[in-house]
Amino acid sequence: MRFWFIILPKLSANAMAIFPFILLKNKAQKQDPVLINHEQIHLRQQLELLILPFYFLYVLNYFINLVKYRNHHGAYINISFEKEAYYFEQDFNYLSNREWYSWVKFLG
């Protein structure tokens, strides 16, 4: 999968995937294989959902979690897309073996 890096020093998150880009706070993060793998998992999630539905479902999942956990961190860390990416971010072969819609297994 082809992607491009964009360096944004004032990025509020540590990193972010917005297809087909991976946004980073600094150039050194390009050398962090775990971070890049995490963001590549998000790019794959975005592709399989044809991009825009990914963002809708991501935000919807966040707001449902916000009601459930009553704080930003709990809401964010329990987004199914994030749960999949965090769970497999250190598995550098994951994307070559990943089944479509694997994030669904992390709902709930």
PDB file of N, CA and C in Angstrom:
ATOM      1  N   MET A   1       0.847  -1.173   0.000  1.00  0.00           N
ATOM      2  CA  MET A   1       0.000   0.000   0.000  1.00  0.00           C
ATOM      3  C   MET A   1       0.894   1.239   0.000  1.00  0.00           C
ATOM      4  N   ARG A   2       0.612   2.130  -0.884  1.00  0.00           N
ATOM      5  CA  ARG A   2       1.403   3.359  -1.021  1.00  0.00           C
ATOM      6  C   ARG A   2       0.815   4.448  -0.144  1.00  0.00           C
ATOM      7  N   PHE A   3       1.664   5.109   0.625  1.00  0.00           N
ATOM      8  CA  PHE A   3       1.232   6.234   1.446  1.00  0.00           C
ATOM      9  C   PHE A   3       2.348   7.261   1.489  1.00  0.00           C
ATOM     10  N   TRP A   4       2.009   8.453   1.938  1.00  0.00           N
ATOM     11  CA  TRP A   4       2.967   9.542   2.041  1.00  0.00           C
ATOM     12  C   TRP A   4       2.953  10.094   3.451  1.00  0.00           C
ATOM     13  N   PHE A   5       4.110  10.576   3.889  1.00  0.00           N
ATOM     14  CA  PHE A   5       4.222  11.225   5.193  1.00  0.00           C
ATOM     15  C   PHE A   5       4.027  12.724   5.039  1.00  0.00           C
ATOM     16  N   ILE A   6       3.361  13.302   6.010  1.00  0.00           N
ATOM     17  CA  ILE A   6       3.273  14.755   6.135  1.00  0.00           C
ATOM     18  C   ILE A   6       3.696  15.078   7.565  1.00  0.00           C
ATOM     19  N   ILE A   7       4.638  15.981   7.716  1.00  0.00           N
ATOM     20  CA  ILE A   7       5.119  16.377   9.036  1.00  0.00           C
ATOM     21  C   ILE A   7       4.387  17.653   9.449  1.00  0.00           C
ATOM     22  N   LEU A   8       3.681  17.572  10.584  1.00  0.00           N
ATOM     23  CA  LEU A   8       2.919  18.702  11.120  1.00  0.00           C
ATOM     24  C   LEU A   8       3.294  18.891  12.590  1.00  0.00           C
ATOM     25  N   PRO A   9       4.254  19.746  12.891  1.00  0.00           N
ATOM     26  CA  PRO A   9       4.722  19.905  14.273  1.00  0.00           C
ATOM     27  C   PRO A   9       3.619  20.264  15.269  1.00  0.00           C
ATOM     28  N   LYS A  10       2.560  20.896  14.830  1.00  0.00           N
ATOM     29  CA  LYS A  10       1.490  21.304  15.747  1.00  0.00           C
ATOM     30  C   LYS A  10       0.320  20.315  15.782  1.00  0.00           C
ATOM     31  N   LEU A  11       0.531  19.122  15.238  1.00  0.00           N
ATOM     32  CA  LEU A  11      -0.496  18.085  15.247  1.00  0.00           C
ATOM     33  C   LEU A  11      -0.878  17.775  16.694  1.00  0.00           C
ATOM     34  N   SER A  12      -2.175  17.757  16.981  1.00  0.00           N
ATOM     35  CA  SER A  12      -2.615  17.530  18.365  1.00  0.00           C
ATOM     36  C   SER A  12      -2.413  16.081  18.805  1.00  0.00           C
ATOM     37  N   ALA A  13      -2.509  15.141  17.888  1.00  0.00           N
ATOM     38  CA  ALA A  13      -2.274  13.725  18.203  1.00  0.00           C
ATOM     39  C   ALA A  13      -0.805  13.394  17.955  1.00  0.00           C
ATOM     40  N   ASN A  14      -0.358  12.278  18.464  1.00  0.00           N
ATOM     41  CA  ASN A  14       1.019  11.843  18.223  1.00  0.00           C
ATOM     42  C   ASN A  14       1.245  11.559  16.746  1.00  0.00           C
ATOM     43  N   ALA A  15       0.254  10.918  16.123  1.00  0.00           N
ATOM     44  CA  ALA A  15       0.272  10.630  14.689  1.00  0.00           C
ATOM     45  C   ALA A  15      -1.167  10.381  14.264  1.00  0.00           C
ATOM     46  N   MET A  16      -1.392  10.400  12.953  1.00  0.00           N
ATOM     47  CA  MET A  16      -2.750  10.236  12.448  1.00  0.00           C
ATOM     48  C   MET A  16      -2.693   9.738  11.014  1.00  0.00           C
ATOM     49  N   ALA A  17      -3.625   8.869  10.673  1.00  0.00           N
ATOM     50  CA  ALA A  17      -3.724   8.372   9.302  1.00  0.00           C
ATOM     51  C   ALA A  17      -4.965   8.978   8.661  1.00  0.00           C
ATOM     52  N   ILE A  18      -4.754   9.683   7.586  1.00  0.00           N
ATOM     53  CA  ILE A  18      -5.850  10.224   6.769  1.00  0.00           C
ATOM     54  C   ILE A  18      -5.508   9.848   5.336  1.00  0.00           C
ATOM     55  N   PHE A  19      -6.173   8.822   4.848  1.00  0.00           N
ATOM     56  CA  PHE A  19      -5.812   8.211   3.572  1.00  0.00           C
ATOM     57  C   PHE A  19      -5.601   9.239   2.477  1.00  0.00           C
ATOM     58  N   PRO A  20      -4.471   9.154   1.769  1.00  0.00           N
ATOM     59  CA  PRO A  20      -3.369   8.197   1.785  1.00  0.00           C
ATOM     60  C   PRO A  20      -2.138   8.702   2.545  1.00  0.00           C
ATOM     61  N   PHE A  21      -2.366   9.519   3.572  1.00  0.00           N
ATOM     62  CA  PHE A  21      -1.260  10.148   4.293  1.00  0.00           C
ATOM     63  C   PHE A  21      -1.134   9.628   5.716  1.00  0.00           C
ATOM     64  N   ILE A  22       0.090   9.628   6.216  1.00  0.00           N
ATOM     65  CA  ILE A  22       0.343   9.438   7.633  1.00  0.00           C
ATOM     66  C   ILE A  22       0.917  10.763   8.127  1.00  0.00           C
ATOM     67  N   LEU A  23       0.187  11.392   9.034  1.00  0.00           N
ATOM     68  CA  LEU A  23       0.600  12.671   9.591  1.00  0.00           C
ATOM     69  C   LEU A  23       1.419  12.417  10.850  1.00  0.00           C
ATOM     70  N   LEU A  24       2.557  13.072  10.938  1.00  0.00           N
ATOM     71  CA  LEU A  24       3.460  12.902  12.071  1.00  0.00           C
ATOM     72  C   LEU A  24       3.833  14.259  12.640  1.00  0.00           C
ATOM     73  N   LYS A  25       4.207  14.284  13.933  1.00  0.00           N
ATOM     74  CA  LYS A  25       4.643  15.531  14.565  1.00  0.00           C
ATOM     75  C   LYS A  25       6.060  15.906  14.149  1.00  0.00           C
ATOM     76  N   ASN A  26       6.902  14.897  13.914  1.00  0.00           N
ATOM     77  CA  ASN A  26       8.280  15.196  13.526  1.00  0.00           C
ATOM     78  C   ASN A  26       8.849  14.092  12.638  1.00  0.00           C
ATOM     79  N   LYS A  27       9.904  14.428  11.959  1.00  0.00           N
ATOM     80  CA  LYS A  27      10.522  13.530  10.982  1.00  0.00           C
ATOM     81  C   LYS A  27      11.073  12.254  11.628  1.00  0.00           C
ATOM     82  N   ALA A  28      11.522  12.344  12.862  1.00  0.00           N
ATOM     83  CA  ALA A  28      12.094  11.180  13.548  1.00  0.00           C
ATOM     84  C   ALA A  28      11.074  10.058  13.700  1.00  0.00           C
ATOM     85  N   GLN A  29       9.796  10.378  13.763  1.00  0.00           N
ATOM     86  CA  GLN A  29       8.763   9.356  13.919  1.00  0.00           C
ATOM     87  C   GLN A  29       8.690   8.417  12.714  1.00  0.00           C
ATOM     88  N   LYS A  30       9.219   8.838  11.586  1.00  0.00           N
ATOM     89  CA  LYS A  30       9.241   7.969  10.404  1.00  0.00           C
ATOM     90  C   LYS A  30      10.063   6.704  10.665  1.00  0.00           C
ATOM     91  N   GLN A  31      10.946   6.765  11.656  1.00  0.00           N
ATOM     92  CA  GLN A  31      11.811   5.631  11.989  1.00  0.00           C
ATOM     93  C   GLN A  31      11.222   4.734  13.076  1.00  0.00           C
ATOM     94  N   ASP A  32      10.011   5.015  13.517  1.00  0.00           N
ATOM     95  CA  ASP A  32       9.353   4.224  14.571  1.00  0.00           C
ATOM     96  C   ASP A  32       8.456   3.171  13.909  1.00  0.00           C
ATOM     97  N   PRO A  33       8.937   1.928  13.788  1.00  0.00           N
ATOM     98  CA  PRO A  33       8.181   0.915  13.054  1.00  0.00           C
ATOM     99  C   PRO A  33       6.828   0.565  13.693  1.00  0.00           C
ATOM    100  N   VAL A  34       6.740   0.628  15.015  1.00  0.00           N
ATOM    101  CA  VAL A  34       5.475   0.316  15.689  1.00  0.00           C
ATOM    102  C   VAL A  34       4.440   1.393  15.373  1.00  0.00           C
ATOM    103  N   LEU A  35       4.842   2.651  15.463  1.00  0.00           N
ATOM    104  CA  LEU A  35       3.945   3.766  15.148  1.00  0.00           C
ATOM    105  C   LEU A  35       3.480   3.697  13.692  1.00  0.00           C
ATOM    106  N   ILE A  36       4.389   3.455  12.795  1.00  0.00           N
ATOM    107  CA  ILE A  36       4.045   3.400  11.370  1.00  0.00           C
ATOM    108  C   ILE A  36       3.127   2.215  11.091  1.00  0.00           C
ATOM    109  N   ASN A  37       3.393   1.074  11.709  1.00  0.00           N
ATOM    110  CA  ASN A  37       2.527  -0.090  11.523  1.00  0.00           C
ATOM    111  C   ASN A  37       1.122   0.198  12.045  1.00  0.00           C
ATOM    112  N   HIS A  38       1.036   0.851  13.199  1.00  0.00           N
ATOM    113  CA  HIS A  38      -0.260   1.235  13.764  1.00  0.00           C
ATOM    114  C   HIS A  38      -1.046   2.088  12.757  1.00  0.00           C
ATOM    115  N   GLU A  39      -0.388   3.075  12.203  1.00  0.00           N
ATOM    116  CA  GLU A  39      -1.061   3.972  11.251  1.00  0.00           C
ATOM    117  C   GLU A  39      -1.384   3.262   9.943  1.00  0.00           C
ATOM    118  N   GLN A  40      -0.546   2.326   9.519  1.00  0.00           N
ATOM    119  CA  GLN A  40      -0.845   1.564   8.307  1.00  0.00           C
ATOM    120  C   GLN A  40      -2.074   0.670   8.509  1.00  0.00           C
ATOM    121  N   ILE A  41      -2.263   0.177   9.703  1.00  0.00           N
ATOM    122  CA  ILE A  41      -3.472  -0.595   9.997  1.00  0.00           C
ATOM    123  C   ILE A  41      -4.690   0.298   9.806  1.00  0.00           C
ATOM    124  N   HIS A  42      -4.603   1.540  10.278  1.00  0.00           N
ATOM    125  CA  HIS A  42      -5.715   2.478  10.071  1.00  0.00           C
ATOM    126  C   HIS A  42      -5.952   2.759   8.581  1.00  0.00           C
ATOM    127  N   LEU A  43      -4.890   2.878   7.816  1.00  0.00           N
ATOM    128  CA  LEU A  43      -5.055   3.105   6.373  1.00  0.00           C
ATOM    129  C   LEU A  43      -5.783   1.934   5.725  1.00  0.00           C
ATOM    130  N   ARG A  44      -5.470   0.723   6.143  1.00  0.00           N
ATOM    131  CA  ARG A  44      -6.150  -0.455   5.605  1.00  0.00           C
ATOM    132  C   ARG A  44      -7.632  -0.451   6.006  1.00  0.00           C
ATOM    133  N   GLN A  45      -7.912  -0.087   7.257  1.00  0.00           N
ATOM    134  CA  GLN A  45      -9.299   0.020   7.720  1.00  0.00           C
ATOM    135  C   GLN A  45     -10.060   1.038   6.871  1.00  0.00           C
ATOM    136  N   GLN A  46      -9.413   2.151   6.596  1.00  0.00           N
ATOM    137  CA  GLN A  46     -10.048   3.203   5.795  1.00  0.00           C
ATOM    138  C   GLN A  46     -10.335   2.715   4.383  1.00  0.00           C
ATOM    139  N   LEU A  47      -9.386   2.023   3.795  1.00  0.00           N
ATOM    140  CA  LEU A  47      -9.571   1.504   2.433  1.00  0.00           C
ATOM    141  C   LEU A  47     -10.721   0.515   2.345  1.00  0.00           C
ATOM    142  N   GLU A  48     -10.796  -0.407   3.282  1.00  0.00           N
ATOM    143  CA  GLU A  48     -11.832  -1.434   3.206  1.00  0.00           C
ATOM    144  C   GLU A  48     -13.225  -0.859   3.417  1.00  0.00           C
ATOM    145  N   LEU A  49     -13.308   0.307   4.061  1.00  0.00           N
ATOM    146  CA  LEU A  49     -14.607   0.961   4.258  1.00  0.00           C
ATOM    147  C   LEU A  49     -14.835   2.089   3.251  1.00  0.00           C
ATOM    148  N   LEU A  50     -13.984   2.156   2.245  1.00  0.00           N
ATOM    149  CA  LEU A  50     -14.087   3.179   1.193  1.00  0.00           C
ATOM    150  C   LEU A  50     -13.944   4.586   1.761  1.00  0.00           C
ATOM    151  N   ILE A  51     -13.125   4.731   2.735  1.00  0.00           N
ATOM    152  CA  ILE A  51     -12.624   5.951   3.356  1.00  0.00           C
ATOM    153  C   ILE A  51     -13.668   6.727   4.158  1.00  0.00           C
ATOM    154  N   LEU A  52     -14.617   7.384   3.534  1.00  0.00           N
ATOM    155  CA  LEU A  52     -15.555   8.228   4.281  1.00  0.00           C
ATOM    156  C   LEU A  52     -16.370   7.474   5.320  1.00  0.00           C
ATOM    157  N   PRO A  53     -16.904   6.293   5.034  1.00  0.00           N
ATOM    158  CA  PRO A  53     -17.623   5.567   6.089  1.00  0.00           C
ATOM    159  C   PRO A  53     -16.741   5.236   7.301  1.00  0.00           C
ATOM    160  N   PHE A  54     -15.444   5.077   7.071  1.00  0.00           N
ATOM    161  CA  PHE A  54     -14.531   4.849   8.194  1.00  0.00           C
ATOM    162  C   PHE A  54     -14.625   6.004   9.174  1.00  0.00           C
ATOM    163  N   TYR A  55     -14.541   7.228   8.684  1.00  0.00           N
ATOM    164  CA  TYR A  55     -14.561   8.396   9.570  1.00  0.00           C
ATOM    165  C   TYR A  55     -15.897   8.514  10.295  1.00  0.00           C
ATOM    166  N   PHE A  56     -16.974   8.234   9.615  1.00  0.00           N
ATOM    167  CA  PHE A  56     -18.299   8.268  10.243  1.00  0.00           C
ATOM    168  C   PHE A  56     -18.365   7.243  11.376  1.00  0.00           C
ATOM    169  N   LEU A  57     -17.942   5.998  11.093  1.00  0.00           N
ATOM    170  CA  LEU A  57     -17.993   4.943  12.103  1.00  0.00           C
ATOM    171  C   LEU A  57     -17.016   5.207  13.252  1.00  0.00           C
ATOM    172  N   TYR A  58     -15.876   5.785  12.941  1.00  0.00           N
ATOM    173  CA  TYR A  58     -14.879   6.113  13.968  1.00  0.00           C
ATOM    174  C   TYR A  58     -15.467   7.127  14.954  1.00  0.00           C
ATOM    175  N   VAL A  59     -16.052   8.192  14.425  1.00  0.00           N
ATOM    176  CA  VAL A  59     -16.631   9.234  15.278  1.00  0.00           C
ATOM    177  C   VAL A  59     -17.847   8.702  16.039  1.00  0.00           C
ATOM    178  N   LEU A  60     -18.680   7.916  15.370  1.00  0.00           N
ATOM    179  CA  LEU A  60     -19.842   7.321  16.030  1.00  0.00           C
ATOM    180  C   LEU A  60     -19.394   6.419  17.181  1.00  0.00           C
ATOM    181  N   ASN A  61     -18.401   5.577  16.942  1.00  0.00           N
ATOM    182  CA  ASN A  61     -17.868   4.694  17.976  1.00  0.00           C
ATOM    183  C   ASN A  61     -17.305   5.507  19.142  1.00  0.00           C
ATOM    184  N   TYR A  62     -16.624   6.614  18.820  1.00  0.00           N
ATOM    185  CA  TYR A  62     -16.073   7.486  19.862  1.00  0.00           C
ATOM    186  C   TYR A  62     -17.187   8.057  20.741  1.00  0.00           C
ATOM    187  N   PHE A  63     -18.237   8.583  20.130  1.00  0.00           N
ATOM    188  CA  PHE A  63     -19.314   9.206  20.912  1.00  0.00           C
ATOM    189  C   PHE A  63     -20.088   8.176  21.738  1.00  0.00           C
ATOM    190  N   ILE A  64     -20.296   6.996  21.200  1.00  0.00           N
ATOM    191  CA  ILE A  64     -20.930   5.925  21.990  1.00  0.00           C
ATOM    192  C   ILE A  64     -20.051   5.593  23.195  1.00  0.00           C
ATOM    193  N   ASN A  65     -18.746   5.502  22.963  1.00  0.00           N
ATOM    194  CA  ASN A  65     -17.809   5.224  24.057  1.00  0.00           C
ATOM    195  C   ASN A  65     -17.735   6.370  25.052  1.00  0.00           C
ATOM    196  N   LEU A  66     -17.893   7.585  24.582  1.00  0.00           N
ATOM    197  CA  LEU A  66     -17.861   8.745  25.474  1.00  0.00           C
ATOM    198  C   LEU A  66     -19.017   8.679  26.472  1.00  0.00           C
ATOM    199  N   VAL A  67     -20.181   8.272  26.006  1.00  0.00           N
ATOM    200  CA  VAL A  67     -21.323   8.082  26.900  1.00  0.00           C
ATOM    201  C   VAL A  67     -21.030   6.936  27.877  1.00  0.00           C
ATOM    202  N   LYS A  68     -20.458   5.859  27.356  1.00  0.00           N
ATOM    203  CA  LYS A  68     -20.182   4.671  28.160  1.00  0.00           C
ATOM    204  C   LYS A  68     -19.087   4.897  29.201  1.00  0.00           C
ATOM    205  N   TYR A  69     -17.964   5.517  28.798  1.00  0.00           N
ATOM    206  CA  TYR A  69     -16.809   5.651  29.686  1.00  0.00           C
ATOM    207  C   TYR A  69     -16.702   7.018  30.356  1.00  0.00           C
ATOM    208  N   ARG A  70     -17.422   7.998  29.857  1.00  0.00           N
ATOM    209  CA  ARG A  70     -17.515   9.345  30.439  1.00  0.00           C
ATOM    210  C   ARG A  70     -16.188  10.107  30.500  1.00  0.00           C
ATOM    211  N   ASN A  71     -15.233   9.722  29.638  1.00  0.00           N
ATOM    212  CA  ASN A  71     -14.000  10.503  29.526  1.00  0.00           C
ATOM    213  C   ASN A  71     -13.362  10.240  28.161  1.00  0.00           C
ATOM    214  N   HIS A  72     -12.566  11.202  27.723  1.00  0.00           N
ATOM    215  CA  HIS A  72     -11.966  11.136  26.388  1.00  0.00           C
ATOM    216  C   HIS A  72     -11.074   9.904  26.227  1.00  0.00           C
ATOM    217  N   HIS A  73     -10.191   9.665  27.190  1.00  0.00           N
ATOM    218  CA  HIS A  73      -9.236   8.558  27.042  1.00  0.00           C
ATOM    219  C   HIS A  73      -9.954   7.213  26.925  1.00  0.00           C
ATOM    220  N   GLY A  74     -10.911   6.966  27.789  1.00  0.00           N
ATOM    221  CA  GLY A  74     -11.664   5.706  27.729  1.00  0.00           C
ATOM    222  C   GLY A  74     -12.413   5.562  26.424  1.00  0.00           C
ATOM    223  N   ALA A  75     -12.976   6.680  25.954  1.00  0.00           N
ATOM    224  CA  ALA A  75     -13.713   6.657  24.687  1.00  0.00           C
ATOM    225  C   ALA A  75     -12.778   6.363  23.525  1.00  0.00           C
ATOM    226  N   TYR A  76     -11.628   7.015  23.502  1.00  0.00           N
ATOM    227  CA  TYR A  76     -10.663   6.843  22.409  1.00  0.00           C
ATOM    228  C   TYR A  76     -10.077   5.432  22.382  1.00  0.00           C
ATOM    229  N   ILE A  77      -9.581   4.973  23.517  1.00  0.00           N
ATOM    230  CA  ILE A  77      -8.859   3.697  23.564  1.00  0.00           C
ATOM    231  C   ILE A  77      -9.786   2.516  23.273  1.00  0.00           C
ATOM    232  N   ASN A  78     -11.092   2.708  23.400  1.00  0.00           N
ATOM    233  CA  ASN A  78     -12.053   1.633  23.160  1.00  0.00           C
ATOM    234  C   ASN A  78     -12.747   1.718  21.808  1.00  0.00           C
ATOM    235  N   ILE A  79     -12.307   2.618  20.950  1.00  0.00           N
ATOM    236  CA  ILE A  79     -12.792   2.633  19.572  1.00  0.00           C
ATOM    237  C   ILE A  79     -12.301   1.343  18.924  1.00  0.00           C
ATOM    238  N   SER A  80     -13.177   0.614  18.280  1.00  0.00           N
ATOM    239  CA  SER A  80     -12.809  -0.700  17.738  1.00  0.00           C
ATOM    240  C   SER A  80     -11.618  -0.608  16.772  1.00  0.00           C
ATOM    241  N   PHE A  81     -11.541   0.447  15.988  1.00  0.00           N
ATOM    242  CA  PHE A  81     -10.426   0.620  15.047  1.00  0.00           C
ATOM    243  C   PHE A  81      -9.106   0.778  15.805  1.00  0.00           C
ATOM    244  N   GLU A  82      -9.151   1.528  16.909  1.00  0.00           N
ATOM    245  CA  GLU A  82      -7.952   1.720  17.724  1.00  0.00           C
ATOM    246  C   GLU A  82      -7.567   0.430  18.440  1.00  0.00           C
ATOM    247  N   LYS A  83      -8.553  -0.298  18.933  1.00  0.00           N
ATOM    248  CA  LYS A  83      -8.264  -1.552  19.630  1.00  0.00           C
ATOM    249  C   LYS A  83      -7.532  -2.526  18.710  1.00  0.00           C
ATOM    250  N   GLU A  84      -7.995  -2.629  17.470  1.00  0.00           N
ATOM    251  CA  GLU A  84      -7.305  -3.508  16.518  1.00  0.00           C
ATOM    252  C   GLU A  84      -5.882  -3.010  16.259  1.00  0.00           C
ATOM    253  N   ALA A  85      -5.734  -1.711  16.002  1.00  0.00           N
ATOM    254  CA  ALA A  85      -4.415  -1.157  15.672  1.00  0.00           C
ATOM    255  C   ALA A  85      -3.439  -1.301  16.838  1.00  0.00           C
ATOM    256  N   TYR A  86      -3.892  -1.032  18.060  1.00  0.00           N
ATOM    257  CA  TYR A  86      -3.003  -1.190  19.217  1.00  0.00           C
ATOM    258  C   TYR A  86      -2.657  -2.658  19.456  1.00  0.00           C
ATOM    259  N   TYR A  87      -3.619  -3.533  19.283  1.00  0.00           N
ATOM    260  CA  TYR A  87      -3.399  -4.956  19.537  1.00  0.00           C
ATOM    261  C   TYR A  87      -2.343  -5.541  18.588  1.00  0.00           C
ATOM    262  N   PHE A  88      -2.352  -5.088  17.339  1.00  0.00           N
ATOM    263  CA  PHE A  88      -1.461  -5.681  16.331  1.00  0.00           C
ATOM    264  C   PHE A  88      -0.312  -4.771  15.895  1.00  0.00           C
ATOM    265  N   GLU A  89      -0.118  -3.635  16.552  1.00  0.00           N
ATOM    266  CA  GLU A  89       0.891  -2.685  16.078  1.00  0.00           C
ATOM    267  C   GLU A  89       2.315  -3.238  16.112  1.00  0.00           C
ATOM    268  N   GLN A  90       2.583  -4.213  16.943  1.00  0.00           N
ATOM    269  CA  GLN A  90       3.931  -4.792  17.003  1.00  0.00           C
ATOM    270  C   GLN A  90       4.083  -6.042  16.144  1.00  0.00           C
ATOM    271  N   ASP A  91       3.007  -6.435  15.491  1.00  0.00           N
ATOM    272  CA  ASP A  91       3.046  -7.594  14.585  1.00  0.00           C
ATOM    273  C   ASP A  91       3.246  -7.068  13.170  1.00  0.00           C
ATOM    274  N   PHE A  92       4.492  -7.095  12.711  1.00  0.00           N
ATOM    275  CA  PHE A  92       4.824  -6.486  11.428  1.00  0.00           C
ATOM    276  C   PHE A  92       4.405  -7.334  10.228  1.00  0.00           C
ATOM    277  N   ASN A  93       3.884  -8.513  10.473  1.00  0.00           N
ATOM    278  CA  ASN A  93       3.323  -9.351   9.407  1.00  0.00           C
ATOM    279  C   ASN A  93       1.801  -9.302   9.383  1.00  0.00           C
ATOM    280  N   TYR A  94       1.229  -8.574  10.323  1.00  0.00           N
ATOM    281  CA  TYR A  94      -0.231  -8.566  10.469  1.00  0.00           C
ATOM    282  C   TYR A  94      -0.953  -8.158   9.185  1.00  0.00           C
ATOM    283  N   LEU A  95      -0.529  -7.098   8.565  1.00  0.00           N
ATOM    284  CA  LEU A  95      -1.248  -6.610   7.379  1.00  0.00           C
ATOM    285  C   LEU A  95      -1.197  -7.590   6.214  1.00  0.00           C
ATOM    286  N   SER A  96      -0.173  -8.407   6.149  1.00  0.00           N
ATOM    287  CA  SER A  96      -0.107  -9.382   5.056  1.00  0.00           C
ATOM    288  C   SER A  96      -1.031 -10.569   5.300  1.00  0.00           C
ATOM    289  N   ASN A  97      -1.467 -10.762   6.546  1.00  0.00           N
ATOM    290  CA  ASN A  97      -2.346 -11.876   6.892  1.00  0.00           C
ATOM    291  C   ASN A  97      -3.735 -11.426   7.357  1.00  0.00           C
ATOM    292  N   ARG A  98      -3.943 -10.146   7.461  1.00  0.00           N
ATOM    293  CA  ARG A  98      -5.174  -9.599   8.031  1.00  0.00           C
ATOM    294  C   ARG A  98      -6.385  -9.918   7.167  1.00  0.00           C
ATOM    295  N   GLU A  99      -7.445 -10.355   7.828  1.00  0.00           N
ATOM    296  CA  GLU A  99      -8.716 -10.576   7.137  1.00  0.00           C
ATOM    297  C   GLU A  99      -9.471  -9.250   7.053  1.00  0.00           C
ATOM    298  N   TRP A 100     -10.299  -9.129   6.028  1.00  0.00           N
ATOM    299  CA  TRP A 100     -11.104  -7.923   5.875  1.00  0.00           C
ATOM    300  C   TRP A 100     -12.035  -7.748   7.067  1.00  0.00           C
ATOM    301  N   TYR A 101     -12.241  -6.509   7.443  1.00  0.00           N
ATOM    302  CA  TYR A 101     -13.160  -6.122   8.522  1.00  0.00           C
ATOM    303  C   TYR A 101     -12.789  -6.749   9.861  1.00  0.00           C
ATOM    304  N   SER A 102     -11.511  -6.938  10.102  1.00  0.00           N
ATOM    305  CA  SER A 102     -11.065  -7.509  11.372  1.00  0.00           C
ATOM    306  C   SER A 102     -11.392  -6.620  12.561  1.00  0.00           C
ATOM    307  N   TRP A 103     -11.550  -5.335  12.335  1.00  0.00           N
ATOM    308  CA  TRP A 103     -11.889  -4.407  13.411  1.00  0.00           C
ATOM    309  C   TRP A 103     -13.220  -4.741  14.061  1.00  0.00           C
ATOM    310  N   VAL A 104     -14.109  -5.449  13.331  1.00  0.00           N
ATOM    311  CA  VAL A 104     -15.430  -5.806  13.860  1.00  0.00           C
ATOM    312  C   VAL A 104     -15.278  -6.703  15.094  1.00  0.00           C
ATOM    313  N   LYS A 105     -14.229  -7.514  15.130  1.00  0.00           N
ATOM    314  CA  LYS A 105     -13.991  -8.406  16.265  1.00  0.00           C
ATOM    315  C   LYS A 105     -13.732  -7.627  17.548  1.00  0.00           C
ATOM    316  N   PHE A 106     -13.410  -6.340  17.422  1.00  0.00           N
ATOM    317  CA  PHE A 106     -13.057  -5.512  18.576  1.00  0.00           C
ATOM    318  C   PHE A 106     -14.220  -4.608  19.024  1.00  0.00           C
ATOM    319  N   LEU A 107     -15.386  -4.769  18.442  1.00  0.00           N
ATOM    320  CA  LEU A 107     -16.556  -4.003  18.870  1.00  0.00           C
ATOM    321  C   LEU A 107     -17.009  -4.487  20.242  1.00  0.00           C
ATOM    322  N   GLY A 108     -17.486  -3.542  21.023  1.00  0.00           N
ATOM    323  CA  GLY A 108     -18.073  -3.926  22.314  1.00  0.00           C
ATOM    324  C   GLY A 108     -17.177  -3.856  23.482  1.00  0.00           C
TER     325      GLY A 108
END
